[in-house]
Amino acid sequence: MKHDAFRGGSRSASEFLVFPPLGRPFSDADKSRLSAHMRAHHPDYSFHIIDGPPMAEAGGYRVMPLIGRIGEAGGFLCEKPDPALLDDLTETAEAFETSAEHLVLRN
């Protein structure tokens, strides 16, 4: 099926995938807290927390823009975000502490 409604580059990316570091305990509650933490610091964006491979790295958080979608009604492509925004989002994620880290800090 051919879709002629595919639009490109007409809007900025507003959705981001956040990958926590590999090897760090990350519960469903931590995912919810991280999402809330990201929205509190960047209310104009939405975040999807993705735990585990293939994009997670052992060294730290990874943030990637969701720049396109394809669906039955067509699709869209967003403009790539400024690298400074991605750096800022990554720094915000790095400032987040999981529940397990809180337990370690209290002992």
PDB file of N, CA and C in Angstrom:
ATOM      1  N   MET A   1       0.839  -1.176   0.000  1.00  0.00           N
ATOM      2  CA  MET A   1       0.000   0.000   0.000  1.00  0.00           C
ATOM      3  C   MET A   1       0.885   1.240   0.000  1.00  0.00           C
ATOM      4  N   LYS A   2       0.650   2.130  -0.948  1.00  0.00           N
ATOM      5  CA  LYS A   2       1.440   3.357  -1.055  1.00  0.00           C
ATOM      6  C   LYS A   2       0.773   4.466  -0.248  1.00  0.00           C
ATOM      7  N   HIS A   3       1.615   5.217   0.499  1.00  0.00           N
ATOM      8  CA  HIS A   3       1.118   6.345   1.290  1.00  0.00           C
ATOM      9  C   HIS A   3       1.686   7.635   0.735  1.00  0.00           C
ATOM     10  N   ASP A   4       0.815   8.513   0.274  1.00  0.00           N
ATOM     11  CA  ASP A   4       1.255   9.801  -0.240  1.00  0.00           C
ATOM     12  C   ASP A   4       1.269  10.869   0.851  1.00  0.00           C
ATOM     13  N   ALA A   5       0.825  10.523   2.042  1.00  0.00           N
ATOM     14  CA  ALA A   5       0.702  11.520   3.112  1.00  0.00           C
ATOM     15  C   ALA A   5       1.954  11.614   3.972  1.00  0.00           C
ATOM     16  N   PHE A   6       3.080  11.169   3.453  1.00  0.00           N
ATOM     17  CA  PHE A   6       4.323  11.229   4.229  1.00  0.00           C
ATOM     18  C   PHE A   6       4.884  12.634   4.151  1.00  0.00           C
ATOM     19  N   ARG A   7       5.005  13.268   5.318  1.00  0.00           N
ATOM     20  CA  ARG A   7       5.502  14.644   5.391  1.00  0.00           C
ATOM     21  C   ARG A   7       6.883  14.636   6.029  1.00  0.00           C
ATOM     22  N   GLY A   8       7.749  15.509   5.599  1.00  0.00           N
ATOM     23  CA  GLY A   8       9.096  15.518   6.147  1.00  0.00           C
ATOM     24  C   GLY A   8       9.541  16.869   6.667  1.00  0.00           C
ATOM     25  N   GLY A   9      10.214  16.859   7.825  1.00  0.00           N
ATOM     26  CA  GLY A   9      10.898  18.018   8.349  1.00  0.00           C
ATOM     27  C   GLY A   9      10.042  19.213   8.722  1.00  0.00           C
ATOM     28  N   SER A  10       8.738  19.040   8.895  1.00  0.00           N
ATOM     29  CA  SER A  10       7.874  20.188   9.148  1.00  0.00           C
ATOM     30  C   SER A  10       7.745  20.531  10.633  1.00  0.00           C
ATOM     31  N   ARG A  11       8.266  19.713  11.508  1.00  0.00           N
ATOM     32  CA  ARG A  11       8.178  19.996  12.941  1.00  0.00           C
ATOM     33  C   ARG A  11       9.415  19.476  13.652  1.00  0.00           C
ATOM     34  N   SER A  12       9.624  20.010  14.838  1.00  0.00           N
ATOM     35  CA  SER A  12      10.774  19.595  15.636  1.00  0.00           C
ATOM     36  C   SER A  12      10.440  18.328  16.413  1.00  0.00           C
ATOM     37  N   ALA A  13      11.439  17.525  16.668  1.00  0.00           N
ATOM     38  CA  ALA A  13      11.245  16.308  17.464  1.00  0.00           C
ATOM     39  C   ALA A  13      10.801  16.704  18.867  1.00  0.00           C
ATOM     40  N   SER A  14       9.774  16.038  19.373  1.00  0.00           N
ATOM     41  CA  SER A  14       9.277  16.325  20.724  1.00  0.00           C
ATOM     42  C   SER A  14       9.180  15.069  21.573  1.00  0.00           C
ATOM     43  N   GLU A  15       9.487  13.917  20.986  1.00  0.00           N
ATOM     44  CA  GLU A  15       9.473  12.650  21.715  1.00  0.00           C
ATOM     45  C   GLU A  15      10.879  12.064  21.715  1.00  0.00           C
ATOM     46  N   PHE A  16      11.253  11.513  22.871  1.00  0.00           N
ATOM     47  CA  PHE A  16      12.604  10.981  23.004  1.00  0.00           C
ATOM     48  C   PHE A  16      12.575   9.621  23.685  1.00  0.00           C
ATOM     49  N   LEU A  17      13.478   8.748  23.258  1.00  0.00           N
ATOM     50  CA  LEU A  17      13.680   7.452  23.890  1.00  0.00           C
ATOM     51  C   LEU A  17      14.855   7.594  24.849  1.00  0.00           C
ATOM     52  N   VAL A  18      14.675   7.141  26.083  1.00  0.00           N
ATOM     53  CA  VAL A  18      15.735   7.221  27.085  1.00  0.00           C
ATOM     54  C   VAL A  18      16.118   5.798  27.472  1.00  0.00           C
ATOM     55  N   PHE A  19      17.394   5.470  27.301  1.00  0.00           N
ATOM     56  CA  PHE A  19      17.916   4.151  27.617  1.00  0.00           C
ATOM     57  C   PHE A  19      18.784   4.250  28.860  1.00  0.00           C
ATOM     58  N   PRO A  20      18.350   3.660  29.990  1.00  0.00           N
ATOM     59  CA  PRO A  20      19.198   3.640  31.191  1.00  0.00           C
ATOM     60  C   PRO A  20      20.447   2.794  30.947  1.00  0.00           C
ATOM     61  N   PRO A  21      21.487   3.009  31.752  1.00  0.00           N
ATOM     62  CA  PRO A  21      22.724   2.233  31.576  1.00  0.00           C
ATOM     63  C   PRO A  21      22.501   0.736  31.792  1.00  0.00           C
ATOM     64  N   LEU A  22      23.204  -0.070  31.011  1.00  0.00           N
ATOM     65  CA  LEU A  22      23.171  -1.517  31.205  1.00  0.00           C
ATOM     66  C   LEU A  22      23.809  -1.871  32.548  1.00  0.00           C
ATOM     67  N   GLY A  23      23.305  -2.913  33.177  1.00  0.00           N
ATOM     68  CA  GLY A  23      23.913  -3.398  34.406  1.00  0.00           C
ATOM     69  C   GLY A  23      23.465  -2.653  35.649  1.00  0.00           C
ATOM     70  N   ARG A  24      22.658  -1.629  35.511  1.00  0.00           N
ATOM     71  CA  ARG A  24      22.146  -0.897  36.664  1.00  0.00           C
ATOM     72  C   ARG A  24      20.734  -1.398  36.954  1.00  0.00           C
ATOM     73  N   PRO A  25      20.438  -1.776  38.213  1.00  0.00           N
ATOM     74  CA  PRO A  25      19.074  -2.209  38.526  1.00  0.00           C
ATOM     75  C   PRO A  25      18.080  -1.097  38.201  1.00  0.00           C
ATOM     76  N   PHE A  26      17.031  -1.431  37.433  1.00  0.00           N
ATOM     77  CA  PHE A  26      16.077  -0.421  37.000  1.00  0.00           C
ATOM     78  C   PHE A  26      14.684  -1.032  37.008  1.00  0.00           C
ATOM     79  N   SER A  27      13.906  -0.740  38.051  1.00  0.00           N
ATOM     80  CA  SER A  27      12.567  -1.313  38.220  1.00  0.00           C
ATOM     81  C   SER A  27      11.532  -0.523  37.419  1.00  0.00           C
ATOM     82  N   ASP A  28      10.310  -1.068  37.365  1.00  0.00           N
ATOM     83  CA  ASP A  28       9.222  -0.346  36.705  1.00  0.00           C
ATOM     84  C   ASP A  28       8.958   0.983  37.419  1.00  0.00           C
ATOM     85  N   ALA A  29       9.079   0.984  38.753  1.00  0.00           N
ATOM     86  CA  ALA A  29       8.902   2.231  39.511  1.00  0.00           C
ATOM     87  C   ALA A  29       9.983   3.243  39.127  1.00  0.00           C
ATOM     88  N   ASP A  30      11.208   2.778  38.926  1.00  0.00           N
ATOM     89  CA  ASP A  30      12.296   3.664  38.499  1.00  0.00           C
ATOM     90  C   ASP A  30      12.004   4.253  37.114  1.00  0.00           C
ATOM     91  N   LYS A  31      11.437   3.444  36.218  1.00  0.00           N
ATOM     92  CA  LYS A  31      11.086   3.945  34.888  1.00  0.00           C
ATOM     93  C   LYS A  31      10.058   5.063  35.000  1.00  0.00           C
ATOM     94  N   SER A  32       9.050   4.872  35.842  1.00  0.00           N
ATOM     95  CA  SER A  32       8.031   5.902  36.040  1.00  0.00           C
ATOM     96  C   SER A  32       8.630   7.159  36.646  1.00  0.00           C
ATOM     97  N   ARG A  33       9.515   6.986  37.622  1.00  0.00           N
ATOM     98  CA  ARG A  33      10.156   8.130  38.264  1.00  0.00           C
ATOM     99  C   ARG A  33      11.078   8.864  37.295  1.00  0.00           C
ATOM    100  N   LEU A  34      11.806   8.123  36.470  1.00  0.00           N
ATOM    101  CA  LEU A  34      12.684   8.763  35.485  1.00  0.00           C
ATOM    102  C   LEU A  34      11.868   9.554  34.478  1.00  0.00           C
ATOM    103  N   SER A  35      10.768   8.992  34.016  1.00  0.00           N
ATOM    104  CA  SER A  35       9.911   9.694  33.070  1.00  0.00           C
ATOM    105  C   SER A  35       9.385  10.992  33.690  1.00  0.00           C
ATOM    106  N   ALA A  36       8.943  10.933  34.940  1.00  0.00           N
ATOM    107  CA  ALA A  36       8.451  12.122  35.638  1.00  0.00           C
ATOM    108  C   ALA A  36       9.582  13.144  35.835  1.00  0.00           C
ATOM    109  N   HIS A  37      10.771  12.654  36.165  1.00  0.00           N
ATOM    110  CA  HIS A  37      11.948  13.518  36.341  1.00  0.00           C
ATOM    111  C   HIS A  37      12.261  14.260  35.036  1.00  0.00           C
ATOM    112  N   MET A  38      12.232  13.543  33.930  1.00  0.00           N
ATOM    113  CA  MET A  38      12.532  14.155  32.636  1.00  0.00           C
ATOM    114  C   MET A  38      11.462  15.188  32.271  1.00  0.00           C
ATOM    115  N   ARG A  39      10.181  14.855  32.477  1.00  0.00           N
ATOM    116  CA  ARG A  39       9.093  15.789  32.154  1.00  0.00           C
ATOM    117  C   ARG A  39       9.144  17.034  33.038  1.00  0.00           C
ATOM    118  N   ALA A  40       9.546  16.866  34.309  1.00  0.00           N
ATOM    119  CA  ALA A  40       9.626  18.010  35.223  1.00  0.00           C
ATOM    120  C   ALA A  40      10.674  19.022  34.750  1.00  0.00           C
ATOM    121  N   HIS A  41      11.754  18.519  34.181  1.00  0.00           N
ATOM    122  CA  HIS A  41      12.824  19.399  33.707  1.00  0.00           C
ATOM    123  C   HIS A  41      12.629  19.868  32.259  1.00  0.00           C
ATOM    124  N   HIS A  42      11.853  19.112  31.506  1.00  0.00           N
ATOM    125  CA  HIS A  42      11.640  19.415  30.079  1.00  0.00           C
ATOM    126  C   HIS A  42      10.164  19.180  29.741  1.00  0.00           C
ATOM    127  N   PRO A  43       9.275  20.060  30.222  1.00  0.00           N
ATOM    128  CA  PRO A  43       7.827  19.832  30.068  1.00  0.00           C
ATOM    129  C   PRO A  43       7.316  19.878  28.628  1.00  0.00           C
ATOM    130  N   ASP A  44       8.079  20.404  27.714  1.00  0.00           N
ATOM    131  CA  ASP A  44       7.623  20.485  26.324  1.00  0.00           C
ATOM    132  C   ASP A  44       7.863  19.199  25.536  1.00  0.00           C
ATOM    133  N   TYR A  45       8.439  18.198  26.191  1.00  0.00           N
ATOM    134  CA  TYR A  45       8.788  16.956  25.510  1.00  0.00           C
ATOM    135  C   TYR A  45       8.158  15.758  26.217  1.00  0.00           C
ATOM    136  N   SER A  46       8.048  14.651  25.491  1.00  0.00           N
ATOM    137  CA  SER A  46       7.597  13.402  26.104  1.00  0.00           C
ATOM    138  C   SER A  46       8.734  12.384  26.006  1.00  0.00           C
ATOM    139  N   PHE A  47       8.722  11.444  26.942  1.00  0.00           N
ATOM    140  CA  PHE A  47       9.829  10.498  27.070  1.00  0.00           C
ATOM    141  C   PHE A  47       9.312   9.073  27.202  1.00  0.00           C
ATOM    142  N   HIS A  48       9.988   8.167  26.534  1.00  0.00           N
ATOM    143  CA  HIS A  48       9.690   6.742  26.609  1.00  0.00           C
ATOM    144  C   HIS A  48      10.952   6.072  27.154  1.00  0.00           C
ATOM    145  N   ILE A  49      10.818   5.413  28.306  1.00  0.00           N
ATOM    146  CA  ILE A  49      11.970   4.782  28.944  1.00  0.00           C
ATOM    147  C   ILE A  49      12.070   3.354  28.427  1.00  0.00           C
ATOM    148  N   ILE A  50      13.202   3.014  27.832  1.00  0.00           N
ATOM    149  CA  ILE A  50      13.429   1.702  27.239  1.00  0.00           C
ATOM    150  C   ILE A  50      14.578   1.039  27.991  1.00  0.00           C
ATOM    151  N   ASP A  51      14.285  -0.028  28.713  1.00  0.00           N
ATOM    152  CA  ASP A  51      15.294  -0.689  29.534  1.00  0.00           C
ATOM    153  C   ASP A  51      15.918  -1.860  28.781  1.00  0.00           C
ATOM    154  N   GLY A  52      17.237  -1.853  28.683  1.00  0.00           N
ATOM    155  CA  GLY A  52      17.954  -2.983  28.094  1.00  0.00           C
ATOM    156  C   GLY A  52      18.407  -2.751  26.671  1.00  0.00           C
ATOM    157  N   PRO A  53      19.061  -3.767  26.092  1.00  0.00           N
ATOM    158  CA  PRO A  53      19.578  -3.672  24.731  1.00  0.00           C
ATOM    159  C   PRO A  53      18.439  -3.406  23.753  1.00  0.00           C
ATOM    160  N   PRO A  54      18.673  -2.938  22.566  1.00  0.00           N
ATOM    161  CA  PRO A  54      19.949  -2.917  21.874  1.00  0.00           C
ATOM    162  C   PRO A  54      20.699  -1.591  21.996  1.00  0.00           C
ATOM    163  N   MET A  55      20.080  -0.532  22.517  1.00  0.00           N
ATOM    164  CA  MET A  55      20.731   0.772  22.479  1.00  0.00           C
ATOM    165  C   MET A  55      21.361   1.203  23.805  1.00  0.00           C
ATOM    166  N   ALA A  56      21.049   0.520  24.889  1.00  0.00           N
ATOM    167  CA  ALA A  56      21.612   0.898  26.181  1.00  0.00           C
ATOM    168  C   ALA A  56      23.118   0.646  26.184  1.00  0.00           C
ATOM    169  N   GLU A  57      23.816   1.442  26.970  1.00  0.00           N
ATOM    170  CA  GLU A  57      25.266   1.311  27.080  1.00  0.00           C
ATOM    171  C   GLU A  57      25.640   1.153  28.548  1.00  0.00           C
ATOM    172  N   ALA A  58      26.755   0.521  28.816  1.00  0.00           N
ATOM    173  CA  ALA A  58      27.188   0.309  30.187  1.00  0.00           C
ATOM    174  C   ALA A  58      27.620   1.597  30.862  1.00  0.00           C
ATOM    175  N   GLY A  59      28.104   2.569  30.121  1.00  0.00           N
ATOM    176  CA  GLY A  59      28.689   3.761  30.708  1.00  0.00           C
ATOM    177  C   GLY A  59      27.728   4.834  31.170  1.00  0.00           C
ATOM    178  N   GLY A  60      26.527   4.881  30.666  1.00  0.00           N
ATOM    179  CA  GLY A  60      25.622   5.952  31.060  1.00  0.00           C
ATOM    180  C   GLY A  60      24.331   5.922  30.279  1.00  0.00           C
ATOM    181  N   TYR A  61      23.524   6.929  30.517  1.00  0.00           N
ATOM    182  CA  TYR A  61      22.244   7.037  29.831  1.00  0.00           C
ATOM    183  C   TYR A  61      22.460   7.413  28.371  1.00  0.00           C
ATOM    184  N   ARG A  62      21.505   7.011  27.546  1.00  0.00           N
ATOM    185  CA  ARG A  62      21.526   7.377  26.132  1.00  0.00           C
ATOM    186  C   ARG A  62      20.145   7.927  25.788  1.00  0.00           C
ATOM    187  N   VAL A  63      20.101   9.064  25.124  1.00  0.00           N
ATOM    188  CA  VAL A  63      18.841   9.693  24.731  1.00  0.00           C
ATOM    189  C   VAL A  63      18.835   9.822  23.216  1.00  0.00           C
ATOM    190  N   MET A  64      17.755   9.351  22.611  1.00  0.00           N
ATOM    191  CA  MET A  64      17.633   9.403  21.150  1.00  0.00           C
ATOM    192  C   MET A  64      16.287  10.017  20.780  1.00  0.00           C
ATOM    193  N   PRO A  65      16.263  10.887  19.784  1.00  0.00           N
ATOM    194  CA  PRO A  65      14.989  11.470  19.361  1.00  0.00           C
ATOM    195  C   PRO A  65      14.170  10.480  18.541  1.00  0.00           C
ATOM    196  N   LEU A  66      12.871  10.560  18.700  1.00  0.00           N
ATOM    197  CA  LEU A  66      11.959   9.818  17.846  1.00  0.00           C
ATOM    198  C   LEU A  66      11.603  10.787  16.721  1.00  0.00           C
ATOM    199  N   ILE A  67      12.193  10.587  15.563  1.00  0.00           N
ATOM    200  CA  ILE A  67      12.067  11.591  14.504  1.00  0.00           C
ATOM    201  C   ILE A  67      11.134  11.192  13.366  1.00  0.00           C
ATOM    202  N   GLY A  68      10.472  10.064  13.476  1.00  0.00           N
ATOM    203  CA  GLY A  68       9.545   9.697  12.421  1.00  0.00           C
ATOM    204  C   GLY A  68       8.609   8.580  12.831  1.00  0.00           C
ATOM    205  N   ARG A  69       7.495   8.520  12.138  1.00  0.00           N
ATOM    206  CA  ARG A  69       6.508   7.455  12.328  1.00  0.00           C
ATOM    207  C   ARG A  69       5.881   7.134  10.981  1.00  0.00           C
ATOM    208  N   ILE A  70       5.497   5.889  10.845  1.00  0.00           N
ATOM    209  CA  ILE A  70       4.767   5.459   9.660  1.00  0.00           C
ATOM    210  C   ILE A  70       3.534   4.730  10.155  1.00  0.00           C
ATOM    211  N   GLY A  71       2.388   5.063   9.613  1.00  0.00           N
ATOM    212  CA  GLY A  71       1.148   4.425  10.030  1.00  0.00           C
ATOM    213  C   GLY A  71       0.188   4.292   8.867  1.00  0.00           C
ATOM    214  N   GLU A  72      -1.000   3.787   9.162  1.00  0.00           N
ATOM    215  CA  GLU A  72      -2.015   3.578   8.128  1.00  0.00           C
ATOM    216  C   GLU A  72      -2.416   4.887   7.447  1.00  0.00           C
ATOM    217  N   ALA A  73      -2.432   5.984   8.202  1.00  0.00           N
ATOM    218  CA  ALA A  73      -2.863   7.265   7.644  1.00  0.00           C
ATOM    219  C   ALA A  73      -1.698   8.066   7.066  1.00  0.00           C
ATOM    220  N   GLY A  74      -0.544   7.461   6.954  1.00  0.00           N
ATOM    221  CA  GLY A  74       0.622   8.176   6.449  1.00  0.00           C
ATOM    222  C   GLY A  74       1.686   8.239   7.528  1.00  0.00           C
ATOM    223  N   GLY A  75       2.558   9.206   7.448  1.00  0.00           N
ATOM    224  CA  GLY A  75       3.626   9.303   8.418  1.00  0.00           C
ATOM    225  C   GLY A  75       4.212  10.690   8.444  1.00  0.00           C
ATOM    226  N   PHE A  76       5.256  10.848   9.239  1.00  0.00           N
ATOM    227  CA  PHE A  76       5.921  12.134   9.312  1.00  0.00           C
ATOM    228  C   PHE A  76       7.379  11.948   9.675  1.00  0.00           C
ATOM    229  N   LEU A  77       8.164  12.935   9.340  1.00  0.00           N
ATOM    230  CA  LEU A  77       9.555  13.036   9.759  1.00  0.00           C
ATOM    231  C   LEU A  77       9.721  14.371  10.462  1.00  0.00           C
ATOM    232  N   CYS A  78      10.430  14.363  11.568  1.00  0.00           N
ATOM    233  CA  CYS A  78      10.740  15.599  12.288  1.00  0.00           C
ATOM    234  C   CYS A  78      12.152  16.039  11.948  1.00  0.00           C
ATOM    235  N   GLU A  79      12.409  17.304  12.203  1.00  0.00           N
ATOM    236  CA  GLU A  79      13.772  17.796  12.066  1.00  0.00           C
ATOM    237  C   GLU A  79      14.613  17.204  13.184  1.00  0.00           C
ATOM    238  N   LYS A  80      15.882  16.974  12.907  1.00  0.00           N
ATOM    239  CA  LYS A  80      16.786  16.490  13.951  1.00  0.00           C
ATOM    240  C   LYS A  80      16.928  17.573  15.006  1.00  0.00           C
ATOM    241  N   PRO A  81      16.911  17.194  16.293  1.00  0.00           N
ATOM    242  CA  PRO A  81      17.098  18.210  17.329  1.00  0.00           C
ATOM    243  C   PRO A  81      18.544  18.695  17.377  1.00  0.00           C
ATOM    244  N   ASP A  82      18.712  19.870  17.926  1.00  0.00           N
ATOM    245  CA  ASP A  82      20.032  20.449  18.119  1.00  0.00           C
ATOM    246  C   ASP A  82      20.844  19.516  19.031  1.00  0.00           C
ATOM    247  N   PRO A  83      22.096  19.238  18.713  1.00  0.00           N
ATOM    248  CA  PRO A  83      22.916  18.386  19.588  1.00  0.00           C
ATOM    249  C   PRO A  83      22.997  18.909  21.024  1.00  0.00           C
ATOM    250  N   ALA A  84      22.911  20.226  21.213  1.00  0.00           N
ATOM    251  CA  ALA A  84      22.932  20.787  22.570  1.00  0.00           C
ATOM    252  C   ALA A  84      21.709  20.341  23.369  1.00  0.00           C
ATOM    253  N   LEU A  85      20.559  20.198  22.711  1.00  0.00           N
ATOM    254  CA  LEU A  85      19.368  19.708  23.398  1.00  0.00           C
ATOM    255  C   LEU A  85      19.576  18.265  23.842  1.00  0.00           C
ATOM    256  N   LEU A  86      20.122  17.440  22.961  1.00  0.00           N
ATOM    257  CA  LEU A  86      20.379  16.043  23.330  1.00  0.00           C
ATOM    258  C   LEU A  86      21.362  15.965  24.494  1.00  0.00           C
ATOM    259  N   ASP A  87      22.367  16.812  24.499  1.00  0.00           N
ATOM    260  CA  ASP A  87      23.315  16.855  25.621  1.00  0.00           C
ATOM    261  C   ASP A  87      22.606  17.241  26.911  1.00  0.00           C
ATOM    262  N   ASP A  88      21.714  18.239  26.841  1.00  0.00           N
ATOM    263  CA  ASP A  88      20.969  18.685  28.016  1.00  0.00           C
ATOM    264  C   ASP A  88      20.056  17.579  28.536  1.00  0.00           C
ATOM    265  N   LEU A  89      19.371  16.890  27.637  1.00  0.00           N
ATOM    266  CA  LEU A  89      18.492  15.790  28.043  1.00  0.00           C
ATOM    267  C   LEU A  89      19.296  14.661  28.686  1.00  0.00           C
ATOM    268  N   THR A  90      20.457  14.367  28.132  1.00  0.00           N
ATOM    269  CA  THR A  90      21.314  13.321  28.699  1.00  0.00           C
ATOM    270  C   THR A  90      21.793  13.719  30.091  1.00  0.00           C
ATOM    271  N   GLU A  91      22.176  14.969  30.268  1.00  0.00           N
ATOM    272  CA  GLU A  91      22.601  15.443  31.587  1.00  0.00           C
ATOM    273  C   GLU A  91      21.461  15.337  32.595  1.00  0.00           C
ATOM    274  N   THR A  92      20.239  15.649  32.171  1.00  0.00           N
ATOM    275  CA  THR A  92      19.077  15.524  33.054  1.00  0.00           C
ATOM    276  C   THR A  92      18.884  14.071  33.463  1.00  0.00           C
ATOM    277  N   ALA A  93      19.001  13.150  32.511  1.00  0.00           N
ATOM    278  CA  ALA A  93      18.871  11.726  32.834  1.00  0.00           C
ATOM    279  C   ALA A  93      19.981  11.276  33.780  1.00  0.00           C
ATOM    280  N   GLU A  94      21.200  11.741  33.551  1.00  0.00           N
ATOM    281  CA  GLU A  94      22.336  11.357  34.397  1.00  0.00           C
ATOM    282  C   GLU A  94      22.149  11.822  35.845  1.00  0.00           C
ATOM    283  N   ALA A  95      21.394  12.900  36.047  1.00  0.00           N
ATOM    284  CA  ALA A  95      21.161  13.423  37.396  1.00  0.00           C
ATOM    285  C   ALA A  95      20.143  12.588  38.174  1.00  0.00           C
ATOM    286  N   PHE A  96      19.437  11.689  37.497  1.00  0.00           N
ATOM    287  CA  PHE A  96      18.428  10.841  38.127  1.00  0.00           C
ATOM    288  C   PHE A  96      19.093   9.726  38.920  1.00  0.00           C
ATOM    289  N   GLU A  97      18.541   9.426  40.085  1.00  0.00           N
ATOM    290  CA  GLU A  97      19.043   8.318  40.905  1.00  0.00           C
ATOM    291  C   GLU A  97      17.952   7.268  41.038  1.00  0.00           C
ATOM    292  N   THR A  98      18.286   6.021  40.793  1.00  0.00           N
ATOM    293  CA  THR A  98      17.320   4.939  40.932  1.00  0.00           C
ATOM    294  C   THR A  98      17.101   4.614  42.402  1.00  0.00           C
ATOM    295  N   SER A  99      16.061   3.840  42.683  1.00  0.00           N
ATOM    296  CA  SER A  99      15.761   3.432  44.057  1.00  0.00           C
ATOM    297  C   SER A  99      16.934   2.699  44.679  1.00  0.00           C
ATOM    298  N   ALA A 100      17.580   1.820  43.919  1.00  0.00           N
ATOM    299  CA  ALA A 100      18.718   1.053  44.440  1.00  0.00           C
ATOM    300  C   ALA A 100      19.850   1.986  44.855  1.00  0.00           C
ATOM    301  N   GLU A 101      20.070   3.055  44.092  1.00  0.00           N
ATOM    302  CA  GLU A 101      21.121   4.014  44.450  1.00  0.00           C
ATOM    303  C   GLU A 101      20.768   4.751  45.737  1.00  0.00           C
ATOM    304  N   HIS A 102      19.481   5.054  45.930  1.00  0.00           N
ATOM    305  CA  HIS A 102      19.060   5.711  47.171  1.00  0.00           C
ATOM    306  C   HIS A 102      19.346   4.819  48.377  1.00  0.00           C
ATOM    307  N   LEU A 103      19.133   3.507  48.223  1.00  0.00           N
ATOM    308  CA  LEU A 103      19.377   2.585  49.325  1.00  0.00           C
ATOM    309  C   LEU A 103      20.858   2.558  49.679  1.00  0.00           C
ATOM    310  N   VAL A 104      21.697   2.586  48.681  1.00  0.00           N
ATOM    311  CA  VAL A 104      23.144   2.572  48.925  1.00  0.00           C
ATOM    312  C   VAL A 104      23.571   3.847  49.645  1.00  0.00           C
ATOM    313  N   LEU A 105      23.019   4.998  49.238  1.00  0.00           N
ATOM    314  CA  LEU A 105      23.393   6.261  49.842  1.00  0.00           C
ATOM    315  C   LEU A 105      22.965   6.364  51.311  1.00  0.00           C
ATOM    316  N   ARG A 106      21.886   5.686  51.690  1.00  0.00           N
ATOM    317  CA  ARG A 106      21.387   5.768  53.063  1.00  0.00           C
ATOM    318  C   ARG A 106      22.195   4.901  54.027  1.00  0.00           C
ATOM    319  N   ASN A 107      22.894   3.890  53.538  1.00  0.00           N
ATOM    320  CA  ASN A 107      23.636   2.984  54.433  1.00  0.00           C
ATOM    321  C   ASN A 107      24.923   3.579  54.894  1.00  0.00           C
TER     322      ASN A 107
END
